[in-house]
Amino acid sequence: MDRREIGSYPGKKENNARLTGIPYGSYILTEIASPNRYVLSDKRYEFLIDEDGDEVFITAVNKETELHVFKKDIYGNELSGAAMQILDSKGNVFDEWISDGTEHIVCGISAGSYSPCVH
């Protein structure tokens, strides 16, 4: 099977791309870079371009990044009342909260280095 790249098509501001003039054949669409704050998709979208002239529509969905944070004592018991922060590599506060004995989920965190901080 001939496996070659026919092009790279970044999504536009509207998060869509329209491709025209693709030669007849079978193709696989893959994501090679994800939008900031989203998880790279490993899904492969197989499609066929043939003589029938039908348009092909593919909806690729990205999941927002998630960081799950728990505040526990040395015995594994969840703790309440701790002032918590996540700092980026420049010391800027990305998120802050008071622990309440449950999991705290931070969504949309960009790739990079972060430091947990407890006050």
Protein backbone atom coordinates (compact mmCIF):
# COMPACT_ATOMS: atom_id res chain seq x y z
CA MET A 1 0.00 0.00 0.00
CA ASP A 2 1.36 3.42 -0.96
CA ARG A 3 1.59 5.49 2.25
CA ARG A 4 2.56 9.04 1.55
CA GLU A 5 1.53 12.40 2.86
CA ILE A 6 -0.58 14.39 0.42
CA GLY A 7 -0.61 17.49 2.58
CA SER A 8 -0.84 19.10 5.96
CA TYR A 9 -4.01 21.04 6.63
CA PRO A 10 -4.16 23.13 9.79
CA GLY A 11 -7.63 23.98 11.03
CA LYS A 12 -8.67 27.57 10.59
CA LYS A 13 -10.03 29.97 13.16
CA GLU A 14 -13.43 28.33 12.70
CA ASN A 15 -11.74 24.98 13.48
CA ASN A 16 -12.41 23.49 10.08
CA ALA A 17 -10.52 22.85 6.88
CA ARG A 18 -11.89 22.34 3.38
CA LEU A 19 -9.78 20.21 1.06
CA THR A 20 -10.37 20.12 -2.68
CA GLY A 21 -8.64 18.47 -5.61
CA ILE A 22 -7.66 15.31 -3.78
CA PRO A 23 -6.99 12.48 -6.27
CA TYR A 24 -9.24 9.41 -6.16
CA GLY A 25 -8.11 6.87 -3.60
CA SER A 26 -8.25 5.67 -0.01
CA TYR A 27 -6.90 7.97 2.67
CA ILE A 28 -6.25 8.16 6.39
CA LEU A 29 -6.53 11.47 8.23
CA THR A 30 -4.47 11.75 11.42
CA GLU A 31 -3.75 14.57 13.81
CA ILE A 32 -0.05 15.42 14.06
CA ALA A 33 -0.35 18.38 16.45
CA SER A 34 -3.17 19.25 18.82
CA PRO A 35 -4.51 22.68 19.67
CA ASN A 36 -3.04 24.24 22.81
CA ARG A 37 -4.70 22.86 25.98
CA TYR A 38 -6.00 19.76 24.19
CA VAL A 39 -4.81 16.15 24.09
CA LEU A 40 -3.32 14.91 20.81
CA SER A 41 -5.79 12.46 19.25
CA ASP A 42 -4.49 9.06 18.17
CA LYS A 43 -7.65 8.37 16.17
CA ARG A 44 -7.26 7.49 12.49
CA TYR A 45 -10.04 8.55 10.12
CA GLU A 46 -10.17 6.36 7.03
CA PHE A 47 -12.05 7.69 4.01
CA LEU A 48 -12.44 7.14 0.28
CA ILE A 49 -12.49 9.67 -2.56
CA ASP A 50 -14.04 8.14 -5.67
CA GLU A 51 -15.89 9.01 -8.88
CA ASP A 52 -19.32 9.41 -7.25
CA GLY A 53 -18.56 13.02 -6.32
CA ASP A 54 -19.96 12.76 -2.79
CA GLU A 55 -18.46 15.12 -0.24
CA VAL A 56 -16.76 13.53 2.75
CA PHE A 57 -17.27 15.08 6.17
CA ILE A 58 -15.07 14.15 9.13
CA THR A 59 -15.57 15.45 12.63
CA ALA A 60 -12.41 15.15 14.69
CA VAL A 61 -12.93 15.74 18.41
CA ASN A 62 -10.19 16.69 20.85
CA LYS A 63 -10.45 16.20 24.59
CA GLU A 64 -9.35 19.09 26.77
CA THR A 65 -6.37 18.31 28.99
CA GLU A 66 -7.12 17.42 32.60
CA LEU A 67 -5.01 17.39 35.73
CA HIS A 68 -6.46 15.54 38.75
CA VAL A 69 -5.21 16.75 42.13
CA PHE A 70 -5.80 15.17 45.55
CA LYS A 71 -4.64 16.53 48.93
CA LYS A 72 -3.98 13.58 51.27
CA ASP A 73 -2.19 12.88 54.50
CA ILE A 74 0.56 10.26 54.80
CA TYR A 75 -2.10 7.58 55.42
CA GLY A 76 -3.99 8.33 52.19
CA ASN A 77 -6.87 10.18 53.85
CA GLU A 78 -8.16 13.14 51.83
CA LEU A 79 -7.73 16.48 53.57
CA SER A 80 -9.80 19.66 53.63
CA GLY A 81 -8.76 23.26 54.22
CA ALA A 82 -5.40 23.47 52.44
CA ALA A 83 -4.86 26.52 50.21
CA MET A 84 -3.57 25.07 46.93
CA GLN A 85 -2.03 26.67 43.83
CA ILE A 86 -0.58 25.48 40.55
CA LEU A 87 2.22 27.74 39.33
CA ASP A 88 3.63 27.77 35.81
CA SER A 89 7.38 27.81 35.12
CA LYS A 90 7.43 31.63 35.47
CA GLY A 91 5.72 31.58 38.87
CA ASN A 92 2.34 32.73 37.55
CA VAL A 93 -0.74 31.23 39.23
CA PHE A 94 -2.60 28.97 36.79
CA ASP A 95 -5.21 27.78 39.29
CA GLU A 96 -5.88 28.03 43.01
CA TRP A 97 -8.43 26.52 45.39
CA ILE A 98 -9.05 25.37 48.96
CA SER A 99 -9.02 21.58 49.27
CA ASP A 100 -12.38 20.19 50.34
CA GLY A 101 -11.59 16.50 50.74
CA THR A 102 -12.41 15.66 47.13
CA GLU A 103 -10.55 15.49 43.85
CA HIS A 104 -9.86 18.86 42.17
CA ILE A 105 -9.83 18.77 38.37
CA VAL A 106 -7.95 21.41 36.39
CA CYS A 107 -9.06 21.54 32.75
CA GLY A 108 -7.33 23.15 29.80
CA ILE A 109 -3.83 23.21 31.22
CA SER A 110 -1.24 23.88 28.51
CA ALA A 111 1.81 21.69 27.96
CA GLY A 112 4.71 22.82 30.11
CA SER A 113 6.22 22.67 33.57
CA TYR A 114 4.14 23.43 36.66
CA SER A 115 4.75 23.38 40.38
CA PRO A 116 2.19 22.51 43.05
CA CYS A 117 2.17 24.95 45.96
CA VAL A 118 0.46 24.44 49.32
CA HIS A 119 -0.08 27.34 51.72
